[in-house]
Amino acid sequence: MKKILQSLLVLSSLTGWANEAPWVADARSVASSIPPKLLQVLTDEIGKGGPESAIEVCKEKAPQMAKAASEQSGWSIRRVSLRNRNPKAVPDSWERNALEEFDRRAAAGENLSKLDKGEIVSEGDKKEYRYMKALPVQQICIACHGPVDTLKPEVISKLQAAYPADKGTGYSIGQIRGAMTIRKAL
C-alpha cells in the first residue's frame, strides 16, 4: 500500500495533481487563515496610533498569532521573506527557492493571490509536508514597507530602533513581500 501511495504522489506531482492532495487543501486553509486576521489587527492599530504603531503588531502580535495557529492546527507556521525585516524571517533553501519562484511567476503576470507551492520534502530520513503562500504587498503595507523616501520620519525612527538590519523597505503594491510558510512532519 505504501508503494502505491508513493507512486501516486510521484505521478500526481508529474501531472500537476499535487495541489489536489488533501493535505494541500488543509495547508492552504491554514495559511490563508492568518493574513486576514493580521490585516484587521494592523488596520485597527493604524487607526489608533498611525503606521508607526503597526510596527509593534508585526513584530510581536504576528508571531503570537502564528504560534497560536500552529498549536491549533498542528502545522508549524511562520512568515519569511527574501528581504526580511525580522532576523527570524530568513528563509531556508526550500523557502528561498519557492519565494524566487513566486517572484518569477508574479513577473510573468500570474494572479498574486494564487501564488502557492506545496510538496513533500525529504531531508535525510525525515519527510514533511511543506507549503507556502505568497503575501503580496497591499496598500496598508506601503506605510512601513514602501520606498524609504516615502516613509514618515516616525516610521523610519521606529523601524531603525526595532530592526537595525531591516531589509523590508522599497516595496510597491503588487510585489511579493514574503510568504506564509508551514510544515508538518510525515
Protein backbone atom coordinates (compact mmCIF):
# COMPACT_ATOMS: atom_id res chain seq x y z
CA MET A 1 0.00 0.00 0.00
CA LYS A 2 2.82 2.41 0.92
CA LYS A 3 4.46 1.88 -2.51
CA ILE A 4 1.14 2.59 -4.25
CA LEU A 5 0.75 5.85 -2.31
CA GLN A 6 4.33 6.87 -3.12
CA SER A 7 3.73 6.10 -6.81
CA LEU A 8 0.55 8.16 -6.77
CA LEU A 9 2.39 11.08 -5.17
CA VAL A 10 5.11 10.92 -7.82
CA LEU A 11 2.52 10.63 -10.59
CA SER A 12 0.47 13.48 -9.17
CA SER A 13 3.50 15.77 -9.00
CA LEU A 14 4.40 14.95 -12.60
CA THR A 15 0.89 15.55 -13.89
CA GLY A 16 0.09 18.67 -11.85
CA TRP A 17 -2.31 16.90 -9.48
CA ALA A 18 -0.14 17.58 -6.44
CA ASN A 19 -2.31 20.54 -5.41
CA GLU A 20 -5.30 18.22 -5.22
CA ALA A 21 -3.77 16.22 -2.36
CA PRO A 22 -5.92 16.51 0.79
CA TRP A 23 -3.01 17.81 2.88
CA VAL A 24 -2.50 20.70 0.42
CA ALA A 25 -6.11 21.79 0.89
CA ASP A 26 -5.60 21.71 4.67
CA ALA A 27 -2.30 23.63 4.38
CA ARG A 28 -3.87 26.19 2.06
CA SER A 29 -6.71 26.73 4.54
CA VAL A 30 -4.35 27.16 7.49
CA ALA A 31 -2.01 29.51 5.59
CA SER A 32 -4.95 31.59 4.37
CA SER A 33 -6.49 31.99 7.81
CA ILE A 34 -3.81 34.21 9.38
CA PRO A 35 -3.32 37.13 6.93
CA PRO A 36 -6.92 38.45 7.14
CA LYS A 37 -6.75 38.43 10.94
CA LEU A 38 -3.37 40.18 10.90
CA LEU A 39 -4.65 42.78 8.43
CA GLN A 40 -7.58 43.53 10.74
CA VAL A 41 -5.30 43.95 13.75
CA LEU A 42 -2.99 46.20 11.70
CA THR A 43 -5.89 48.29 10.44
CA ASP A 44 -7.21 48.76 13.97
CA GLU A 45 -3.76 49.68 15.31
CA ILE A 46 -3.05 52.15 12.49
CA GLY A 47 -6.42 53.76 13.20
CA LYS A 48 -5.43 54.25 16.83
CA GLY A 49 -1.80 55.31 16.54
CA GLY A 50 -0.75 55.67 12.93
CA PRO A 51 1.51 53.41 10.88
CA GLU A 52 4.35 53.57 13.39
CA SER A 53 2.13 51.73 15.90
CA ALA A 54 1.68 48.88 13.39
CA ILE A 55 5.38 48.02 13.62
CA GLU A 56 4.85 46.54 17.07
CA VAL A 57 1.92 44.48 15.74
CA CYS A 58 4.09 42.88 13.07
CA LYS A 59 6.96 42.39 15.50
CA GLU A 60 5.03 40.99 18.46
CA LYS A 61 1.45 40.08 17.62
CA ALA A 62 2.02 38.42 14.22
CA PRO A 63 4.40 35.78 15.68
CA GLN A 64 1.97 35.23 18.55
CA MET A 65 -0.85 34.71 16.04
CA ALA A 66 1.30 32.24 14.08
CA LYS A 67 2.18 30.36 17.28
CA ALA A 68 -1.48 30.12 18.30
CA ALA A 69 -2.45 28.92 14.81
CA SER A 70 0.38 26.37 14.92
CA GLU A 71 -0.85 24.99 18.23
CA GLN A 72 -4.43 24.86 17.00
CA SER A 73 -3.73 23.36 13.56
CA GLY A 74 -0.76 21.07 14.15
CA TRP A 75 1.23 22.85 11.41
CA SER A 76 4.42 24.79 12.16
CA ILE A 77 3.71 28.31 10.82
CA ARG A 78 5.89 31.36 10.23
CA ARG A 79 6.47 34.21 7.78
CA VAL A 80 9.60 34.51 5.64
CA SER A 81 10.93 36.98 3.10
CA LEU A 82 13.83 37.33 0.69
CA ARG A 83 14.17 40.86 2.10
CA ASN A 84 13.43 40.14 5.71
CA ARG A 85 12.81 42.75 8.35
CA ASN A 86 12.76 40.35 11.27
CA PRO A 87 16.01 38.36 11.61
CA LYS A 88 13.89 35.29 12.39
CA ALA A 89 12.19 35.53 8.97
CA VAL A 90 15.15 34.31 6.92
CA PRO A 91 14.02 31.56 4.54
CA ASP A 92 15.69 28.16 4.41
CA SER A 93 16.78 26.88 0.97
CA TRP A 94 13.39 25.34 0.11
CA GLU A 95 11.60 28.53 1.13
CA ARG A 96 14.11 30.69 -0.76
CA ASN A 97 13.51 28.68 -3.94
CA ALA A 98 9.73 29.00 -3.51
CA LEU A 99 9.97 32.78 -2.94
CA GLU A 100 12.16 33.19 -6.03
CA GLU A 101 9.65 31.11 -7.99
CA PHE A 102 6.82 33.36 -6.72
CA ASP A 103 8.72 36.43 -7.96
CA ARG A 104 9.16 34.83 -11.42
CA ARG A 105 5.52 33.82 -11.58
CA ALA A 106 4.39 37.30 -10.49
CA ALA A 107 6.64 38.90 -13.13
CA ALA A 108 5.03 36.62 -15.72
CA GLY A 109 1.62 38.04 -14.77
CA GLU A 110 0.24 35.21 -12.64
CA ASN A 111 -2.52 36.18 -10.21
CA LEU A 112 -0.76 37.07 -6.95
CA SER A 113 -3.49 35.56 -4.79
CA LYS A 114 -2.89 32.18 -6.44
CA LEU A 115 0.87 32.01 -5.79
CA ASP A 116 1.48 28.99 -3.63
CA LYS A 117 3.56 25.85 -3.56
CA GLY A 118 3.17 22.57 -1.76
CA GLU A 119 5.20 19.40 -1.84
CA ILE A 120 6.53 16.57 0.25
CA VAL A 121 10.16 17.23 1.09
CA SER A 122 12.69 14.65 2.22
CA GLU A 123 15.77 15.56 4.18
CA GLY A 124 17.79 12.57 5.29
CA ASP A 125 15.36 10.13 6.86
CA LYS A 126 12.81 12.86 7.64
CA LYS A 127 9.85 13.67 5.42
CA GLU A 128 7.47 16.53 5.81
CA TYR A 129 4.69 18.36 4.09
CA ARG A 130 5.84 21.84 3.06
CA TYR A 131 3.54 24.59 1.85
CA MET A 132 3.99 28.29 1.13
CA LYS A 133 1.52 31.00 0.19
CA ALA A 134 2.77 34.33 -1.16
CA LEU A 135 1.98 37.53 0.70
CA PRO A 136 1.57 40.30 -1.87
CA VAL A 137 2.17 43.92 -0.87
CA GLN A 138 -1.13 45.69 -0.26
CA GLN A 139 -1.87 49.39 0.25
CA ILE A 140 -1.75 49.03 4.04
CA CYS A 141 1.81 47.63 3.79
CA ILE A 142 3.27 50.64 1.98
CA ALA A 143 3.35 52.87 5.08
CA CYS A 144 6.12 50.68 6.57
CA HIS A 145 7.41 48.65 3.61
CA GLY A 146 7.30 51.23 0.81
CA PRO A 147 10.20 53.25 -0.59
CA VAL A 148 12.21 54.80 2.24
CA ASP A 149 11.82 58.31 0.84
CA THR A 150 8.03 58.00 1.22
CA LEU A 151 8.02 56.74 4.83
CA LYS A 152 7.12 59.09 7.69
CA PRO A 153 10.09 60.06 9.90
CA GLU A 154 8.32 58.45 12.89
CA VAL A 155 8.09 55.16 10.98
CA ILE A 156 11.75 55.29 9.94
CA SER A 157 12.83 56.02 13.50
CA LYS A 158 10.78 53.18 14.96
CA LEU A 159 11.96 50.75 12.26
CA GLN A 160 15.61 51.62 12.90
CA ALA A 161 15.13 51.06 16.63
CA ALA A 162 13.24 47.78 16.25
CA TYR A 163 15.13 46.37 13.25
CA PRO A 164 18.65 47.78 12.84
CA ALA A 165 19.36 45.39 9.92
CA ASP A 166 16.00 45.96 8.20
CA LYS A 167 15.78 44.88 4.56
CA GLY A 168 11.98 45.17 4.34
CA THR A 169 11.52 48.52 2.60
CA GLY A 170 11.39 49.61 -1.04
CA TYR A 171 8.30 47.62 -1.98
CA SER A 172 5.41 48.69 -4.15
CA ILE A 173 1.89 47.33 -4.44
CA GLY A 174 1.81 44.09 -6.40
CA GLN A 175 5.21 42.82 -5.37
CA ILE A 176 5.69 39.76 -3.18
CA ARG A 177 6.61 40.86 0.35
CA GLY A 178 7.18 37.31 1.56
CA ALA A 179 5.14 34.23 2.32
CA MET A 180 3.37 32.22 4.98
CA THR A 181 5.35 29.01 5.26
CA ILE A 182 4.00 25.97 7.01
CA ARG A 183 5.24 22.45 7.55
CA LYS A 184 4.21 19.22 9.20
CA ALA A 185 6.23 16.06 9.71
CA LEU A 186 5.00 12.94 7.97
